[in-house]
């Protein structure tokens, strides 16, 4: 694997995007909806990094762009990623990494609505 590709998968957000597009195409909007804690612009920048590293291909169709992982570009690292994604502890690790790399204000806890009696 090329150094640019290894650098690209170092980011937990990009690894999450790769997981989302590993088995099929997703639009940028669908990827964004799966990552509600980041802006669409941030998702777009991450997708661009993955495309430039040669790990994801993009197919424009009308107003949408469809993204899919180029699995052949990963070689043996692809199998490691698949095993990692299948591991239940990976989800916990991802949540911790995403929280650690989060920029901006922390999400506010939702307050329960008062019900009228």
PDB file of N, CA and C in Angstrom:
ATOM      1  N   UNK A   1       0.837  -1.170   0.000  1.00  0.00           N
ATOM      2  CA  UNK A   1       0.000   0.000   0.000  1.00  0.00           C
ATOM      3  C   UNK A   1       0.888   1.241   0.000  1.00  0.00           C
ATOM      4  N   UNK A   2       0.490   2.258  -0.723  1.00  0.00           N
ATOM      5  CA  UNK A   2       1.248   3.499  -0.840  1.00  0.00           C
ATOM      6  C   UNK A   2       1.172   4.297   0.468  1.00  0.00           C
ATOM      7  N   UNK A   3       2.215   5.092   0.762  1.00  0.00           N
ATOM      8  CA  UNK A   3       2.196   5.914   1.978  1.00  0.00           C
ATOM      9  C   UNK A   3       0.988   6.860   2.036  1.00  0.00           C
ATOM     10  N   UNK A   4       0.574   7.433   0.894  1.00  0.00           N
ATOM     11  CA  UNK A   4      -0.596   8.310   0.899  1.00  0.00           C
ATOM     12  C   UNK A   4      -1.852   7.555   1.327  1.00  0.00           C
ATOM     13  N   UNK A   5      -1.956   6.313   0.882  1.00  0.00           N
ATOM     14  CA  UNK A   5      -3.123   5.501   1.237  1.00  0.00           C
ATOM     15  C   UNK A   5      -3.105   5.172   2.724  1.00  0.00           C
ATOM     16  N   UNK A   6      -1.931   4.826   3.243  1.00  0.00           N
ATOM     17  CA  UNK A   6      -1.837   4.535   4.683  1.00  0.00           C
ATOM     18  C   UNK A   6      -2.167   5.772   5.504  1.00  0.00           C
ATOM     19  N   UNK A   7      -1.703   6.909   5.052  1.00  0.00           N
ATOM     20  CA  UNK A   7      -2.014   8.165   5.738  1.00  0.00           C
ATOM     21  C   UNK A   7      -3.517   8.433   5.698  1.00  0.00           C
ATOM     22  N   UNK A   8      -4.142   8.122   4.574  1.00  0.00           N
ATOM     23  CA  UNK A   8      -5.584   8.358   4.426  1.00  0.00           C
ATOM     24  C   UNK A   8      -6.397   7.514   5.391  1.00  0.00           C
ATOM     25  N   UNK A   9      -5.988   6.268   5.633  1.00  0.00           N
ATOM     26  CA  UNK A   9      -6.795   5.419   6.528  1.00  0.00           C
ATOM     27  C   UNK A   9      -6.426   5.609   7.991  1.00  0.00           C
ATOM     28  N   UNK A  10      -5.473   6.493   8.281  1.00  0.00           N
ATOM     29  CA  UNK A  10      -5.125   6.782   9.669  1.00  0.00           C
ATOM     30  C   UNK A  10      -6.246   7.530  10.380  1.00  0.00           C
ATOM     31  N   UNK A  11      -7.060   8.254   9.635  1.00  0.00           N
ATOM     32  CA  UNK A  11      -8.141   9.039  10.224  1.00  0.00           C
ATOM     33  C   UNK A  11      -9.337   8.145  10.562  1.00  0.00           C
ATOM     34  N   UNK A  12      -9.850   8.227  11.782  1.00  0.00           N
ATOM     35  CA  UNK A  12     -11.022   7.415  12.130  1.00  0.00           C
ATOM     36  C   UNK A  12     -12.245   7.769  11.284  1.00  0.00           C
ATOM     37  N   UNK A  13     -12.391   9.016  10.901  1.00  0.00           N
ATOM     38  CA  UNK A  13     -13.540   9.395  10.065  1.00  0.00           C
ATOM     39  C   UNK A  13     -13.428   8.779   8.682  1.00  0.00           C
ATOM     40  N   UNK A  14     -12.230   8.785   8.130  1.00  0.00           N
ATOM     41  CA  UNK A  14     -12.068   8.172   6.809  1.00  0.00           C
ATOM     42  C   UNK A  14     -12.246   6.664   6.884  1.00  0.00           C
ATOM     43  N   UNK A  15     -11.805   6.035   7.974  1.00  0.00           N
ATOM     44  CA  UNK A  15     -12.041   4.588   8.132  1.00  0.00           C
ATOM     45  C   UNK A  15     -13.540   4.305   8.212  1.00  0.00           C
ATOM     46  N   UNK A  16     -14.280   5.159   8.882  1.00  0.00           N
ATOM     47  CA  UNK A  16     -15.728   4.973   8.959  1.00  0.00           C
ATOM     48  C   UNK A  16     -16.361   5.146   7.582  1.00  0.00           C
ATOM     49  N   UNK A  17     -15.910   6.116   6.811  1.00  0.00           N
ATOM     50  CA  UNK A  17     -16.426   6.290   5.449  1.00  0.00           C
ATOM     51  C   UNK A  17     -16.098   5.063   4.614  1.00  0.00           C
ATOM     52  N   UNK A  18     -14.881   4.547   4.734  1.00  0.00           N
ATOM     53  CA  UNK A  18     -14.519   3.334   3.992  1.00  0.00           C
ATOM     54  C   UNK A  18     -15.441   2.175   4.345  1.00  0.00           C
ATOM     55  N   UNK A  19     -15.754   2.034   5.625  1.00  0.00           N
ATOM     56  CA  UNK A  19     -16.672   0.967   6.047  1.00  0.00           C
ATOM     57  C   UNK A  19     -18.031   1.136   5.367  1.00  0.00           C
ATOM     58  N   UNK A  20     -18.491   2.366   5.269  1.00  0.00           N
ATOM     59  CA  UNK A  20     -19.801   2.634   4.677  1.00  0.00           C
ATOM     60  C   UNK A  20     -19.841   2.327   3.184  1.00  0.00           C
ATOM     61  N   UNK A  21     -18.716   2.508   2.487  1.00  0.00           N
ATOM     62  CA  UNK A  21     -18.707   2.309   1.035  1.00  0.00           C
ATOM     63  C   UNK A  21     -17.995   1.016   0.631  1.00  0.00           C
ATOM     64  N   UNK A  22     -17.671   0.174   1.584  1.00  0.00           N
ATOM     65  CA  UNK A  22     -16.901  -1.038   1.315  1.00  0.00           C
ATOM     66  C   UNK A  22     -17.679  -2.033   0.450  1.00  0.00           C
ATOM     67  N   UNK A  23     -18.944  -2.241   0.742  1.00  0.00           N
ATOM     68  CA  UNK A  23     -19.726  -3.267   0.046  1.00  0.00           C
ATOM     69  C   UNK A  23     -20.669  -2.730  -1.018  1.00  0.00           C
ATOM     70  N   UNK A  24     -20.679  -1.441  -1.217  1.00  0.00           N
ATOM     71  CA  UNK A  24     -21.570  -0.880  -2.224  1.00  0.00           C
ATOM     72  C   UNK A  24     -21.455   0.622  -2.300  1.00  0.00           C
ATOM     73  N   UNK A  25     -22.067   1.157  -3.324  1.00  0.00           N
ATOM     74  CA  UNK A  25     -22.025   2.609  -3.535  1.00  0.00           C
ATOM     75  C   UNK A  25     -22.923   3.337  -2.544  1.00  0.00           C
ATOM     76  N   UNK A  26     -22.477   4.528  -2.197  1.00  0.00           N
ATOM     77  CA  UNK A  26     -23.262   5.420  -1.346  1.00  0.00           C
ATOM     78  C   UNK A  26     -23.106   6.830  -1.907  1.00  0.00           C
ATOM     79  N   UNK A  27     -24.166   7.594  -1.828  1.00  0.00           N
ATOM     80  CA  UNK A  27     -24.045   9.004  -2.208  1.00  0.00           C
ATOM     81  C   UNK A  27     -23.366   9.758  -1.069  1.00  0.00           C
ATOM     82  N   UNK A  28     -22.839  10.919  -1.396  1.00  0.00           N
ATOM     83  CA  UNK A  28     -22.230  11.755  -0.365  1.00  0.00           C
ATOM     84  C   UNK A  28     -23.271  12.110   0.705  1.00  0.00           C
ATOM     85  N   UNK A  29     -24.499  12.349   0.279  1.00  0.00           N
ATOM     86  CA  UNK A  29     -25.569  12.661   1.234  1.00  0.00           C
ATOM     87  C   UNK A  29     -25.856  11.514   2.189  1.00  0.00           C
ATOM     88  N   UNK A  30     -25.865  10.290   1.686  1.00  0.00           N
ATOM     89  CA  UNK A  30     -26.112   9.121   2.541  1.00  0.00           C
ATOM     90  C   UNK A  30     -24.971   8.939   3.536  1.00  0.00           C
ATOM     91  N   UNK A  31     -23.752   9.173   3.073  1.00  0.00           N
ATOM     92  CA  UNK A  31     -22.597   9.076   3.974  1.00  0.00           C
ATOM     93  C   UNK A  31     -22.713  10.140   5.059  1.00  0.00           C
ATOM     94  N   UNK A  32     -23.087  11.352   4.671  1.00  0.00           N
ATOM     95  CA  UNK A  32     -23.246  12.437   5.644  1.00  0.00           C
ATOM     96  C   UNK A  32     -24.324  12.095   6.672  1.00  0.00           C
ATOM     97  N   UNK A  33     -25.436  11.534   6.231  1.00  0.00           N
ATOM     98  CA  UNK A  33     -26.511  11.174   7.176  1.00  0.00           C
ATOM     99  C   UNK A  33     -26.051  10.104   8.166  1.00  0.00           C
ATOM    100  N   UNK A  34     -25.084   9.285   7.786  1.00  0.00           N
ATOM    101  CA  UNK A  34     -24.545   8.270   8.693  1.00  0.00           C
ATOM    102  C   UNK A  34     -23.555   8.855   9.690  1.00  0.00           C
ATOM    103  N   UNK A  35     -23.159  10.102   9.458  1.00  0.00           N
ATOM    104  CA  UNK A  35     -22.190  10.766  10.333  1.00  0.00           C
ATOM    105  C   UNK A  35     -22.753  12.121  10.745  1.00  0.00           C
ATOM    106  N   UNK A  36     -23.815  12.139  11.548  1.00  0.00           N
ATOM    107  CA  UNK A  36     -24.525  13.389  11.828  1.00  0.00           C
ATOM    108  C   UNK A  36     -23.742  14.402  12.650  1.00  0.00           C
ATOM    109  N   UNK A  37     -22.612  14.002  13.213  1.00  0.00           N
ATOM    110  CA  UNK A  37     -21.862  14.943  14.052  1.00  0.00           C
ATOM    111  C   UNK A  37     -20.884  15.799  13.263  1.00  0.00           C
ATOM    112  N   UNK A  38     -20.823  15.610  11.932  1.00  0.00           N
ATOM    113  CA  UNK A  38     -19.930  16.431  11.105  1.00  0.00           C
ATOM    114  C   UNK A  38     -20.735  17.079   9.987  1.00  0.00           C
ATOM    115  N   UNK A  39     -20.206  18.154   9.457  1.00  0.00           N
ATOM    116  CA  UNK A  39     -20.897  18.864   8.389  1.00  0.00           C
ATOM    117  C   UNK A  39     -20.740  18.126   7.061  1.00  0.00           C
ATOM    118  N   UNK A  40     -21.598  18.462   6.128  1.00  0.00           N
ATOM    119  CA  UNK A  40     -21.492  17.882   4.795  1.00  0.00           C
ATOM    120  C   UNK A  40     -20.152  18.260   4.164  1.00  0.00           C
ATOM    121  N   UNK A  41     -19.713  19.488   4.392  1.00  0.00           N
ATOM    122  CA  UNK A  41     -18.428  19.937   3.856  1.00  0.00           C
ATOM    123  C   UNK A  41     -17.265  19.114   4.377  1.00  0.00           C
ATOM    124  N   UNK A  42     -17.315  18.767   5.656  1.00  0.00           N
ATOM    125  CA  UNK A  42     -16.254  17.943   6.242  1.00  0.00           C
ATOM    126  C   UNK A  42     -16.252  16.547   5.627  1.00  0.00           C
ATOM    127  N   UNK A  43     -17.441  15.975   5.425  1.00  0.00           N
ATOM    128  CA  UNK A  43     -17.538  14.664   4.781  1.00  0.00           C
ATOM    129  C   UNK A  43     -16.983  14.751   3.366  1.00  0.00           C
ATOM    130  N   UNK A  44     -17.309  15.811   2.665  1.00  0.00           N
ATOM    131  CA  UNK A  44     -16.827  16.011   1.301  1.00  0.00           C
ATOM    132  C   UNK A  44     -15.296  16.068   1.258  1.00  0.00           C
ATOM    133  N   UNK A  45     -14.691  16.763   2.206  1.00  0.00           N
ATOM    134  CA  UNK A  45     -13.226  16.833   2.263  1.00  0.00           C
ATOM    135  C   UNK A  45     -12.607  15.460   2.523  1.00  0.00           C
ATOM    136  N   UNK A  46     -13.232  14.687   3.410  1.00  0.00           N
ATOM    137  CA  UNK A  46     -12.726  13.340   3.700  1.00  0.00           C
ATOM    138  C   UNK A  46     -12.840  12.448   2.466  1.00  0.00           C
ATOM    139  N   UNK A  47     -13.960  12.567   1.760  1.00  0.00           N
ATOM    140  CA  UNK A  47     -14.142  11.780   0.534  1.00  0.00           C
ATOM    141  C   UNK A  47     -13.092  12.166  -0.505  1.00  0.00           C
ATOM    142  N   UNK A  48     -12.823  13.449  -0.638  1.00  0.00           N
ATOM    143  CA  UNK A  48     -11.812  13.892  -1.596  1.00  0.00           C
ATOM    144  C   UNK A  48     -10.450  13.285  -1.264  1.00  0.00           C
ATOM    145  N   UNK A  49     -10.097  13.256   0.019  1.00  0.00           N
ATOM    146  CA  UNK A  49      -8.819  12.662   0.434  1.00  0.00           C
ATOM    147  C   UNK A  49      -8.748  11.191   0.050  1.00  0.00           C
ATOM    148  N   UNK A  50      -9.853  10.477   0.246  1.00  0.00           N
ATOM    149  CA  UNK A  50      -9.880   9.056  -0.091  1.00  0.00           C
ATOM    150  C   UNK A  50      -9.792   8.830  -1.598  1.00  0.00           C
ATOM    151  N   UNK A  51     -10.450   9.684  -2.360  1.00  0.00           N
ATOM    152  CA  UNK A  51     -10.388   9.583  -3.827  1.00  0.00           C
ATOM    153  C   UNK A  51      -8.966   9.877  -4.303  1.00  0.00           C
ATOM    154  N   UNK A  52      -8.355  10.938  -3.780  1.00  0.00           N
ATOM    155  CA  UNK A  52      -7.003  11.313  -4.186  1.00  0.00           C
ATOM    156  C   UNK A  52      -5.970  10.246  -3.812  1.00  0.00           C
ATOM    157  N   UNK A  53      -6.223   9.519  -2.726  1.00  0.00           N
ATOM    158  CA  UNK A  53      -5.321   8.441  -2.314  1.00  0.00           C
ATOM    159  C   UNK A  53      -5.548   7.178  -3.138  1.00  0.00           C
ATOM    160  N   UNK A  54      -6.582   7.170  -3.978  1.00  0.00           N
ATOM    161  CA  UNK A  54      -6.862   6.017  -4.818  1.00  0.00           C
ATOM    162  C   UNK A  54      -7.612   4.899  -4.114  1.00  0.00           C
ATOM    163  N   UNK A  55      -8.197   5.209  -2.953  1.00  0.00           N
ATOM    164  CA  UNK A  55      -8.900   4.186  -2.171  1.00  0.00           C
ATOM    165  C   UNK A  55     -10.389   4.130  -2.462  1.00  0.00           C
ATOM    166  N   UNK A  56     -10.923   5.201  -3.003  1.00  0.00           N
ATOM    167  CA  UNK A  56     -12.356   5.292  -3.295  1.00  0.00           C
ATOM    168  C   UNK A  56     -12.507   5.822  -4.712  1.00  0.00           C
ATOM    169  N   UNK A  57     -13.486   5.285  -5.420  1.00  0.00           N
ATOM    170  CA  UNK A  57     -13.800   5.824  -6.745  1.00  0.00           C
ATOM    171  C   UNK A  57     -15.135   6.540  -6.671  1.00  0.00           C
ATOM    172  N   UNK A  58     -15.294   7.505  -7.549  1.00  0.00           N
ATOM    173  CA  UNK A  58     -16.515   8.313  -7.558  1.00  0.00           C
ATOM    174  C   UNK A  58     -17.145   8.199  -8.941  1.00  0.00           C
ATOM    175  N   UNK A  59     -18.464   8.067  -8.940  1.00  0.00           N
ATOM    176  CA  UNK A  59     -19.214   7.981 -10.198  1.00  0.00           C
ATOM    177  C   UNK A  59     -20.315   9.032 -10.162  1.00  0.00           C
ATOM    178  N   UNK A  60     -20.176  10.078 -10.995  1.00  0.00           N
ATOM    179  CA  UNK A  60     -21.241  11.090 -11.033  1.00  0.00           C
ATOM    180  C   UNK A  60     -22.453  10.568 -11.803  1.00  0.00           C
ATOM    181  N   UNK A  61     -23.612  10.887 -11.293  1.00  0.00           N
ATOM    182  CA  UNK A  61     -24.864  10.565 -11.981  1.00  0.00           C
ATOM    183  C   UNK A  61     -25.868  11.665 -11.649  1.00  0.00           C
ATOM    184  N   UNK A  62     -26.199  12.436 -12.662  1.00  0.00           N
ATOM    185  CA  UNK A  62     -27.065  13.614 -12.504  1.00  0.00           C
ATOM    186  C   UNK A  62     -26.514  14.518 -11.405  1.00  0.00           C
ATOM    187  N   UNK A  63     -27.319  14.798 -10.384  1.00  0.00           N
ATOM    188  CA  UNK A  63     -26.866  15.710  -9.323  1.00  0.00           C
ATOM    189  C   UNK A  63     -26.045  15.001  -8.250  1.00  0.00           C
ATOM    190  N   UNK A  64     -26.032  13.690  -8.255  1.00  0.00           N
ATOM    191  CA  UNK A  64     -25.363  12.936  -7.193  1.00  0.00           C
ATOM    192  C   UNK A  64     -23.995  12.447  -7.618  1.00  0.00           C
ATOM    193  N   UNK A  65     -23.199  12.163  -6.607  1.00  0.00           N
ATOM    194  CA  UNK A  65     -21.920  11.478  -6.795  1.00  0.00           C
ATOM    195  C   UNK A  65     -21.996  10.219  -5.945  1.00  0.00           C
ATOM    196  N   UNK A  66     -21.668   9.108  -6.560  1.00  0.00           N
ATOM    197  CA  UNK A  66     -21.693   7.824  -5.870  1.00  0.00           C
ATOM    198  C   UNK A  66     -20.266   7.387  -5.585  1.00  0.00           C
ATOM    199  N   UNK A  67     -20.027   6.991  -4.340  1.00  0.00           N
ATOM    200  CA  UNK A  67     -18.694   6.601  -3.893  1.00  0.00           C
ATOM    201  C   UNK A  67     -18.675   5.117  -3.568  1.00  0.00           C
ATOM    202  N   UNK A  68     -17.566   4.476  -3.930  1.00  0.00           N
ATOM    203  CA  UNK A  68     -17.371   3.049  -3.662  1.00  0.00           C
ATOM    204  C   UNK A  68     -15.888   2.823  -3.373  1.00  0.00           C
ATOM    205  N   UNK A  69     -15.624   1.955  -2.400  1.00  0.00           N
ATOM    206  CA  UNK A  69     -14.237   1.613  -2.080  1.00  0.00           C
ATOM    207  C   UNK A  69     -13.617   0.838  -3.241  1.00  0.00           C
ATOM    208  N   UNK A  70     -12.376   1.121  -3.530  1.00  0.00           N
ATOM    209  CA  UNK A  70     -11.602   0.356  -4.511  1.00  0.00           C
ATOM    210  C   UNK A  70     -10.886  -0.740  -3.731  1.00  0.00           C
ATOM    211  N   UNK A  71     -11.593  -1.813  -3.461  1.00  0.00           N
ATOM    212  CA  UNK A  71     -11.088  -2.855  -2.582  1.00  0.00           C
ATOM    213  C   UNK A  71      -9.754  -3.423  -3.040  1.00  0.00           C
ATOM    214  N   UNK A  72      -9.551  -3.492  -4.353  1.00  0.00           N
ATOM    215  CA  UNK A  72      -8.294  -4.037  -4.866  1.00  0.00           C
ATOM    216  C   UNK A  72      -7.091  -3.173  -4.493  1.00  0.00           C
ATOM    217  N   UNK A  73      -7.321  -1.901  -4.198  1.00  0.00           N
ATOM    218  CA  UNK A  73      -6.236  -0.993  -3.835  1.00  0.00           C
ATOM    219  C   UNK A  73      -5.689  -1.273  -2.435  1.00  0.00           C
ATOM    220  N   UNK A  74      -6.412  -2.033  -1.646  1.00  0.00           N
ATOM    221  CA  UNK A  74      -6.025  -2.268  -0.261  1.00  0.00           C
ATOM    222  C   UNK A  74      -5.114  -3.472  -0.075  1.00  0.00           C
ATOM    223  N   UNK A  75      -5.155  -4.415  -1.009  1.00  0.00           N
ATOM    224  CA  UNK A  75      -4.357  -5.623  -0.853  1.00  0.00           C
ATOM    225  C   UNK A  75      -4.700  -6.324   0.450  1.00  0.00           C
ATOM    226  N   UNK A  76      -3.683  -6.851   1.164  1.00  0.00           N
ATOM    227  CA  UNK A  76      -3.942  -7.562   2.421  1.00  0.00           C
ATOM    228  C   UNK A  76      -4.518  -6.671   3.521  1.00  0.00           C
ATOM    229  N   UNK A  77      -4.301  -5.364   3.428  1.00  0.00           N
ATOM    230  CA  UNK A  77      -4.834  -4.436   4.440  1.00  0.00           C
ATOM    231  C   UNK A  77      -6.366  -4.466   4.423  1.00  0.00           C
ATOM    232  N   UNK A  78      -6.958  -4.742   3.265  1.00  0.00           N
ATOM    233  CA  UNK A  78      -8.415  -4.839   3.166  1.00  0.00           C
ATOM    234  C   UNK A  78      -8.985  -5.920   4.070  1.00  0.00           C
ATOM    235  N   UNK A  79      -8.301  -7.053   4.142  1.00  0.00           N
ATOM    236  CA  UNK A  79      -8.766  -8.138   5.018  1.00  0.00           C
ATOM    237  C   UNK A  79      -8.660  -7.733   6.487  1.00  0.00           C
ATOM    238  N   UNK A  80      -7.622  -7.011   6.819  1.00  0.00           N
ATOM    239  CA  UNK A  80      -7.457  -6.532   8.199  1.00  0.00           C
ATOM    240  C   UNK A  80      -8.602  -5.576   8.550  1.00  0.00           C
ATOM    241  N   UNK A  81      -8.919  -4.670   7.620  1.00  0.00           N
ATOM    242  CA  UNK A  81     -10.021  -3.732   7.866  1.00  0.00           C
ATOM    243  C   UNK A  81     -11.340  -4.482   8.031  1.00  0.00           C
ATOM    244  N   UNK A  82     -11.595  -5.469   7.193  1.00  0.00           N
ATOM    245  CA  UNK A  82     -12.848  -6.226   7.299  1.00  0.00           C
ATOM    246  C   UNK A  82     -12.957  -6.918   8.653  1.00  0.00           C
ATOM    247  N   UNK A  83     -11.860  -7.516   9.115  1.00  0.00           N
ATOM    248  CA  UNK A  83     -11.895  -8.172  10.434  1.00  0.00           C
ATOM    249  C   UNK A  83     -12.119  -7.144  11.533  1.00  0.00           C
ATOM    250  N   UNK A  84     -11.486  -5.987  11.390  1.00  0.00           N
ATOM    251  CA  UNK A  84     -11.635  -4.932  12.387  1.00  0.00           C
ATOM    252  C   UNK A  84     -13.091  -4.471  12.458  1.00  0.00           C
ATOM    253  N   UNK A  85     -13.716  -4.267  11.295  1.00  0.00           N
ATOM    254  CA  UNK A  85     -15.085  -3.795  11.269  1.00  0.00           C
ATOM    255  C   UNK A  85     -16.059  -4.815  11.831  1.00  0.00           C
ATOM    256  N   UNK A  86     -15.720  -6.100  11.727  1.00  0.00           N
ATOM    257  CA  UNK A  86     -16.595  -7.153  12.249  1.00  0.00           C
ATOM    258  C   UNK A  86     -16.486  -7.266  13.772  1.00  0.00           C
ATOM    259  N   UNK A  87     -15.446  -6.723  14.338  1.00  0.00           N
ATOM    260  CA  UNK A  87     -15.200  -6.812  15.771  1.00  0.00           C
ATOM    261  C   UNK A  87     -16.079  -5.807  16.515  1.00  0.00           C
ATOM    262  N   UNK A  88     -16.795  -6.292  17.511  1.00  0.00           N
ATOM    263  CA  UNK A  88     -17.698  -5.415  18.265  1.00  0.00           C
ATOM    264  C   UNK A  88     -16.936  -4.320  19.010  1.00  0.00           C
ATOM    265  N   UNK A  89     -15.724  -4.599  19.448  1.00  0.00           N
ATOM    266  CA  UNK A  89     -14.953  -3.589  20.163  1.00  0.00           C
ATOM    267  C   UNK A  89     -14.547  -2.439  19.245  1.00  0.00           C
ATOM    268  N   UNK A  90     -14.520  -2.699  17.952  1.00  0.00           N
ATOM    269  CA  UNK A  90     -14.150  -1.639  17.013  1.00  0.00           C
ATOM    270  C   UNK A  90     -15.116  -0.471  17.110  1.00  0.00           C
ATOM    271  N   UNK A  91     -16.400  -0.761  17.255  1.00  0.00           N
ATOM    272  CA  UNK A  91     -17.395   0.320  17.332  1.00  0.00           C
ATOM    273  C   UNK A  91     -17.143   1.209  18.541  1.00  0.00           C
ATOM    274  N   UNK A  92     -16.784   0.605  19.656  1.00  0.00           N
ATOM    275  CA  UNK A  92     -16.476   1.378  20.856  1.00  0.00           C
ATOM    276  C   UNK A  92     -15.211   2.206  20.641  1.00  0.00           C
ATOM    277  N   UNK A  93     -14.195   1.604  20.041  1.00  0.00           N
ATOM    278  CA  UNK A  93     -12.958   2.326  19.759  1.00  0.00           C
ATOM    279  C   UNK A  93     -13.216   3.480  18.806  1.00  0.00           C
ATOM    280  N   UNK A  94     -14.017   3.239  17.767  1.00  0.00           N
ATOM    281  CA  UNK A  94     -14.327   4.296  16.808  1.00  0.00           C
ATOM    282  C   UNK A  94     -15.027   5.460  17.502  1.00  0.00           C
ATOM    283  N   UNK A  95     -16.002   5.155  18.338  1.00  0.00           N
ATOM    284  CA  UNK A  95     -16.724   6.218  19.041  1.00  0.00           C
ATOM    285  C   UNK A  95     -15.759   7.057  19.882  1.00  0.00           C
ATOM    286  N   UNK A  96     -14.829   6.395  20.556  1.00  0.00           N
ATOM    287  CA  UNK A  96     -13.855   7.116  21.381  1.00  0.00           C
ATOM    288  C   UNK A  96     -12.927   7.964  20.515  1.00  0.00           C
ATOM    289  N   UNK A  97     -12.459   7.405  19.383  1.00  0.00           N
ATOM    290  CA  UNK A  97     -11.570   8.157  18.496  1.00  0.00           C
ATOM    291  C   UNK A  97     -12.285   9.346  17.870  1.00  0.00           C
ATOM    292  N   UNK A  98     -13.527   9.147  17.478  1.00  0.00           N
ATOM    293  CA  UNK A  98     -14.275  10.242  16.874  1.00  0.00           C
ATOM    294  C   UNK A  98     -14.509  11.360  17.878  1.00  0.00           C
ATOM    295  N   UNK A  99     -14.806  10.994  19.113  1.00  0.00           N
ATOM    296  CA  UNK A  99     -15.017  12.006  20.146  1.00  0.00           C
ATOM    297  C   UNK A  99     -13.720  12.765  20.420  1.00  0.00           C
ATOM    298  N   UNK A 100     -12.604  12.035  20.402  1.00  0.00           N
ATOM    299  CA  UNK A 100     -11.305  12.663  20.659  1.00  0.00           C
ATOM    300  C   UNK A 100     -10.923  13.636  19.546  1.00  0.00           C
ATOM    301  N   UNK A 101     -11.283  13.326  18.310  1.00  0.00           N
ATOM    302  CA  UNK A 101     -10.897  14.180  17.183  1.00  0.00           C
ATOM    303  C   UNK A 101     -11.957  15.213  16.848  1.00  0.00           C
ATOM    304  N   UNK A 102     -13.057  15.219  17.573  1.00  0.00           N
ATOM    305  CA  UNK A 102     -14.162  16.139  17.313  1.00  0.00           C
ATOM    306  C   UNK A 102     -13.724  17.574  17.516  1.00  0.00           C
ATOM    307  N   UNK A 103     -14.131  18.409  16.605  1.00  0.00           N
ATOM    308  CA  UNK A 103     -13.839  19.841  16.708  1.00  0.00           C
ATOM    309  C   UNK A 103     -15.136  20.577  16.986  1.00  0.00           C
ATOM    310  N   UNK A 104     -15.003  21.747  17.552  1.00  0.00           N
ATOM    311  CA  UNK A 104     -16.189  22.552  17.798  1.00  0.00           C
ATOM    312  C   UNK A 104     -16.834  22.209  19.120  1.00  0.00           C
ATOM    313  N   UNK A 105     -17.991  22.798  19.364  1.00  0.00           N
ATOM    314  CA  UNK A 105     -18.660  22.587  20.653  1.00  0.00           C
ATOM    315  C   UNK A 105     -19.167  21.155  20.787  1.00  0.00           C
ATOM    316  N   UNK A 106     -19.193  20.703  22.003  1.00  0.00           N
ATOM    317  CA  UNK A 106     -19.719  19.364  22.298  1.00  0.00           C
ATOM    318  C   UNK A 106     -21.226  19.376  22.097  1.00  0.00           C
ATOM    319  N   UNK A 107     -21.804  18.265  21.649  1.00  0.00           N
ATOM    320  CA  UNK A 107     -23.259  18.226  21.501  1.00  0.00           C
ATOM    321  C   UNK A 107     -23.928  18.409  22.855  1.00  0.00           C
ATOM    322  N   UNK A 108     -24.993  19.152  22.848  1.00  0.00           N
ATOM    323  CA  UNK A 108     -25.725  19.398  24.088  1.00  0.00           C
ATOM    324  C   UNK A 108     -26.678  18.248  24.356  1.00  0.00           C
ATOM    325  N   UNK A 109     -26.789  17.913  25.617  1.00  0.00           N
ATOM    326  CA  UNK A 109     -27.725  16.854  26.005  1.00  0.00           C
ATOM    327  C   UNK A 109     -29.144  17.365  25.800  1.00  0.00           C
ATOM    328  N   UNK A 110     -29.969  16.510  25.295  1.00  0.00           N
ATOM    329  CA  UNK A 110     -31.370  16.904  25.099  1.00  0.00           C
ATOM    330  C   UNK A 110     -32.098  16.873  26.421  1.00  0.00           C
ATOM    331  N   UNK A 111     -32.854  17.918  26.639  1.00  0.00           N
ATOM    332  CA  UNK A 111     -33.638  17.974  27.871  1.00  0.00           C
ATOM    333  C   UNK A 111     -35.001  17.361  27.597  1.00  0.00           C
ATOM    334  N   UNK A 112     -35.476  16.656  28.571  1.00  0.00           N
ATOM    335  CA  UNK A 112     -36.808  16.058  28.451  1.00  0.00           C
ATOM    336  C   UNK A 112     -37.856  17.159  28.450  1.00  0.00           C
ATOM    337  N   UNK A 113     -38.821  17.017  27.568  1.00  0.00           N
ATOM    338  CA  UNK A 113     -39.905  18.002  27.508  1.00  0.00           C
ATOM    339  C   UNK A 113     -40.825  17.824  28.708  1.00  0.00           C
ATOM    340  N   UNK A 114     -41.253  18.942  29.238  1.00  0.00           N
ATOM    341  CA  UNK A 114     -42.214  18.877  30.347  1.00  0.00           C
ATOM    342  C   UNK A 114     -43.586  18.573  29.789  1.00  0.00           C
ATOM    343  N   UNK A 115     -44.223  17.625  30.400  1.00  0.00           N
ATOM    344  CA  UNK A 115     -45.561  17.263  29.948  1.00  0.00           C
ATOM    345  C   UNK A 115     -46.584  17.947  30.819  1.00  0.00           C
ATOM    346  N   UNK A 116     -47.620  18.423  30.180  1.00  0.00           N
ATOM    347  CA  UNK A 116     -48.710  19.041  30.919  1.00  0.00           C
ATOM    348  C   UNK A 116     -49.600  17.934  31.459  1.00  0.00           C
ATOM    349  N   UNK A 117     -49.991  18.103  32.684  1.00  0.00           N
ATOM    350  CA  UNK A 117     -50.833  17.094  33.325  1.00  0.00           C
ATOM    351  C   UNK A 117     -52.241  17.597  33.462  1.00  0.00           C
TER     352      UNK A 117
END
